[in-house]
Amino acid sequence: MKKSSEAGDSSSEEWCHLIAASLGGETISKNLVAASYACNTYMATIESFLSARTDLTVEVTAYCEKQDVGEWIEYKIFKRTGSKILVVYQIDARAASFSKLDKDAVDKELKLKAK
């Protein structure tokens, strides 16, 4: 993956934690995958919601064609007390954009489905 020369460019790549540090994830190779800045922003939206919810848990899986280079990342969000999946997100790890409108839509869906 090529790194954009312009920091913060939504199409640039970076190391993304599968389980965010804010959710207890470690900065170790099995918890890191290369993905776009936009993908990481999408993931951060979900993680921010989850960090305020002790009643929820998440399972995150990276699908990689090449080792440690994400093609897509899947989030499954559950209630801690059950096995029912509340919501699934399949995030394109190569996405070029994640807008404020996208963020608002994810926030709205999480609030609705994770009541």
C-alpha atoms as a PDB file:
ATOM      1  CA  MET A   1       0.000   0.000   0.000  1.00  0.00           C
ATOM      2  CA  LYS A   2       1.310   3.419  -0.859  1.00  0.00           C
ATOM      3  CA  LYS A   3       1.351   6.025   1.861  1.00  0.00           C
ATOM      4  CA  SER A   4      -0.003   9.372   0.745  1.00  0.00           C
ATOM      5  CA  SER A   5       2.481  12.200   1.013  1.00  0.00           C
ATOM      6  CA  GLU A   6      -0.201  14.390   2.562  1.00  0.00           C
ATOM      7  CA  ALA A   7      -0.904  13.488   6.207  1.00  0.00           C
ATOM      8  CA  GLY A   8      -4.587  13.115   6.962  1.00  0.00           C
ATOM      9  CA  ASP A   9      -5.499  12.495   3.316  1.00  0.00           C
ATOM     10  CA  SER A  10      -8.534  10.208   3.505  1.00  0.00           C
ATOM     11  CA  SER A  11      -7.029   7.822   0.948  1.00  0.00           C
ATOM     12  CA  SER A  12      -3.729   7.391   2.806  1.00  0.00           C
ATOM     13  CA  GLU A  13      -2.941   4.151   4.621  1.00  0.00           C
ATOM     14  CA  GLU A  14      -2.053   3.640   8.241  1.00  0.00           C
ATOM     15  CA  TRP A  15      -1.848   0.942  10.877  1.00  0.00           C
ATOM     16  CA  CYS A  16      -5.267   0.334  12.393  1.00  0.00           C
ATOM     17  CA  HIS A  17      -5.962  -1.481  15.651  1.00  0.00           C
ATOM     18  CA  LEU A  18      -8.594  -4.181  15.150  1.00  0.00           C
ATOM     19  CA  ILE A  19      -9.573  -3.817  18.804  1.00  0.00           C
ATOM     20  CA  ALA A  20      -8.944  -0.183  19.687  1.00  0.00           C
ATOM     21  CA  ALA A  21      -6.595   0.686  22.527  1.00  0.00           C
ATOM     22  CA  SER A  22      -9.558   2.507  24.116  1.00  0.00           C
ATOM     23  CA  LEU A  23     -11.380  -0.857  24.188  1.00  0.00           C
ATOM     24  CA  GLY A  24      -8.420  -2.768  25.635  1.00  0.00           C
ATOM     25  CA  GLY A  25      -6.661  -3.708  22.398  1.00  0.00           C
ATOM     26  CA  GLU A  26      -2.904  -3.993  22.393  1.00  0.00           C
ATOM     27  CA  THR A  27      -0.412  -2.545  19.922  1.00  0.00           C
ATOM     28  CA  ILE A  28       0.854  -5.928  18.748  1.00  0.00           C
ATOM     29  CA  SER A  29       1.055  -7.418  15.261  1.00  0.00           C
ATOM     30  CA  LYS A  30      -2.001  -9.682  15.577  1.00  0.00           C
ATOM     31  CA  ASN A  31      -4.123  -6.616  16.469  1.00  0.00           C
ATOM     32  CA  LEU A  32      -2.872  -4.361  13.641  1.00  0.00           C
ATOM     33  CA  VAL A  33      -3.724  -4.190   9.963  1.00  0.00           C
ATOM     34  CA  ALA A  34      -2.872  -1.681   7.250  1.00  0.00           C
ATOM     35  CA  ALA A  35      -5.986   0.129   6.073  1.00  0.00           C
ATOM     36  CA  SER A  36      -7.003   3.513   4.737  1.00  0.00           C
ATOM     37  CA  TYR A  37      -7.351   6.639   6.824  1.00  0.00           C
ATOM     38  CA  ALA A  38     -11.065   6.634   5.904  1.00  0.00           C
ATOM     39  CA  CYS A  39     -11.450   3.053   7.169  1.00  0.00           C
ATOM     40  CA  ASN A  40      -9.755   4.003  10.439  1.00  0.00           C
ATOM     41  CA  THR A  41     -12.122   6.976  10.791  1.00  0.00           C
ATOM     42  CA  TYR A  42     -15.109   4.634  10.264  1.00  0.00           C
ATOM     43  CA  MET A  43     -13.694   2.253  12.873  1.00  0.00           C
ATOM     44  CA  ALA A  44     -13.107   5.135  15.313  1.00  0.00           C
ATOM     45  CA  THR A  45     -16.792   6.110  15.036  1.00  0.00           C
ATOM     46  CA  ILE A  46     -17.838   2.616  16.133  1.00  0.00           C
ATOM     47  CA  GLU A  47     -15.171   2.440  18.838  1.00  0.00           C
ATOM     48  CA  SER A  48     -16.184   5.790  20.281  1.00  0.00           C
ATOM     49  CA  PHE A  49     -19.755   4.546  20.641  1.00  0.00           C
ATOM     50  CA  LEU A  50     -18.612   1.254  22.191  1.00  0.00           C
ATOM     51  CA  SER A  51     -16.263   2.908  24.689  1.00  0.00           C
ATOM     52  CA  ALA A  52     -19.268   4.496  26.416  1.00  0.00           C
ATOM     53  CA  ARG A  53     -21.235   1.221  26.545  1.00  0.00           C
ATOM     54  CA  THR A  54     -20.191  -1.396  29.108  1.00  0.00           C
ATOM     55  CA  ASP A  55     -23.183  -3.559  28.104  1.00  0.00           C
ATOM     56  CA  LEU A  56     -21.805  -4.192  24.596  1.00  0.00           C
ATOM     57  CA  THR A  57     -18.918  -6.187  23.197  1.00  0.00           C
ATOM     58  CA  VAL A  58     -17.415  -6.491  19.738  1.00  0.00           C
ATOM     59  CA  GLU A  59     -15.806  -9.128  17.550  1.00  0.00           C
ATOM     60  CA  VAL A  60     -13.552  -7.721  14.842  1.00  0.00           C
ATOM     61  CA  THR A  61     -12.138  -9.703  11.931  1.00  0.00           C
ATOM     62  CA  ALA A  62      -9.788  -8.437   9.233  1.00  0.00           C
ATOM     63  CA  TYR A  63      -9.899 -10.078   5.829  1.00  0.00           C
ATOM     64  CA  CYS A  64      -6.551  -9.709   4.104  1.00  0.00           C
ATOM     65  CA  GLU A  65      -5.459 -10.824   0.645  1.00  0.00           C
ATOM     66  CA  LYS A  66      -1.859 -10.088   1.626  1.00  0.00           C
ATOM     67  CA  GLN A  67      -0.582 -10.502   5.173  1.00  0.00           C
ATOM     68  CA  ASP A  68      -1.499  -7.523   7.373  1.00  0.00           C
ATOM     69  CA  VAL A  69      -2.995  -5.514   4.479  1.00  0.00           C
ATOM     70  CA  GLY A  70      -6.729  -5.196   4.973  1.00  0.00           C
ATOM     71  CA  GLU A  71      -9.231  -5.711   2.192  1.00  0.00           C
ATOM     72  CA  TRP A  72     -12.208  -5.344   4.517  1.00  0.00           C
ATOM     73  CA  ILE A  73     -12.862  -5.375   8.231  1.00  0.00           C
ATOM     74  CA  GLU A  74     -15.953  -6.833   9.856  1.00  0.00           C
ATOM     75  CA  TYR A  75     -17.390  -5.601  13.149  1.00  0.00           C
ATOM     76  CA  LYS A  76     -20.027  -7.683  14.953  1.00  0.00           C
ATOM     77  CA  ILE A  77     -21.560  -5.952  17.956  1.00  0.00           C
ATOM     78  CA  PHE A  78     -23.262  -7.994  20.695  1.00  0.00           C
ATOM     79  CA  LYS A  79     -24.854  -7.468  24.079  1.00  0.00           C
ATOM     80  CA  ARG A  80     -22.459  -8.836  26.724  1.00  0.00           C
ATOM     81  CA  THR A  81     -25.256 -10.932  28.230  1.00  0.00           C
ATOM     82  CA  GLY A  82     -26.257 -12.759  25.049  1.00  0.00           C
ATOM     83  CA  SER A  83     -25.083 -14.054  21.747  1.00  0.00           C
ATOM     84  CA  LYS A  84     -27.500 -12.110  19.541  1.00  0.00           C
ATOM     85  CA  ILE A  85     -25.712  -9.921  17.006  1.00  0.00           C
ATOM     86  CA  LEU A  86     -27.113  -6.393  17.185  1.00  0.00           C
ATOM     87  CA  VAL A  87     -25.348  -4.964  14.155  1.00  0.00           C
ATOM     88  CA  VAL A  88     -22.684  -5.968  11.635  1.00  0.00           C
ATOM     89  CA  TYR A  89     -20.467  -3.536   9.745  1.00  0.00           C
ATOM     90  CA  GLN A  90     -18.358  -4.621   6.784  1.00  0.00           C
ATOM     91  CA  ILE A  91     -15.885  -1.836   6.187  1.00  0.00           C
ATOM     92  CA  ASP A  92     -13.878  -1.493   2.984  1.00  0.00           C
ATOM     93  CA  ALA A  93     -10.302  -1.228   4.281  1.00  0.00           C
ATOM     94  CA  ARG A  94      -9.327   0.586   1.065  1.00  0.00           C
ATOM     95  CA  ALA A  95     -12.129   3.174   1.254  1.00  0.00           C
ATOM     96  CA  ALA A  96     -11.166   6.621   0.015  1.00  0.00           C
ATOM     97  CA  SER A  97     -13.675   8.589   2.067  1.00  0.00           C
ATOM     98  CA  PHE A  98     -15.783   8.606   5.210  1.00  0.00           C
ATOM     99  CA  SER A  99     -17.743  11.831   5.468  1.00  0.00           C
ATOM    100  CA  LYS A 100     -19.496  13.634   8.304  1.00  0.00           C
ATOM    101  CA  LEU A 101     -22.781  12.364   6.812  1.00  0.00           C
ATOM    102  CA  ASP A 102     -21.420   8.799   6.946  1.00  0.00           C
ATOM    103  CA  LYS A 103     -20.408   9.297  10.580  1.00  0.00           C
ATOM    104  CA  ASP A 104     -23.829  10.668  11.480  1.00  0.00           C
ATOM    105  CA  ALA A 105     -25.540   7.695   9.772  1.00  0.00           C
ATOM    106  CA  VAL A 106     -23.390   5.171  11.684  1.00  0.00           C
ATOM    107  CA  ASP A 107     -23.997   6.995  14.989  1.00  0.00           C
ATOM    108  CA  LYS A 108     -27.751   6.997  14.346  1.00  0.00           C
ATOM    109  CA  GLU A 109     -27.817   3.305  13.423  1.00  0.00           C
ATOM    110  CA  LEU A 110     -25.772   2.304  16.489  1.00  0.00           C
ATOM    111  CA  LYS A 111     -28.056   4.253  18.818  1.00  0.00           C
ATOM    112  CA  LEU A 112     -31.116   2.641  17.251  1.00  0.00           C
ATOM    113  CA  LYS A 113     -29.895  -0.967  17.102  1.00  0.00           C
ATOM    114  CA  ALA A 114     -27.980  -1.039  20.391  1.00  0.00           C
ATOM    115  CA  LYS A 115     -30.769   0.196  22.677  1.00  0.00           C
END
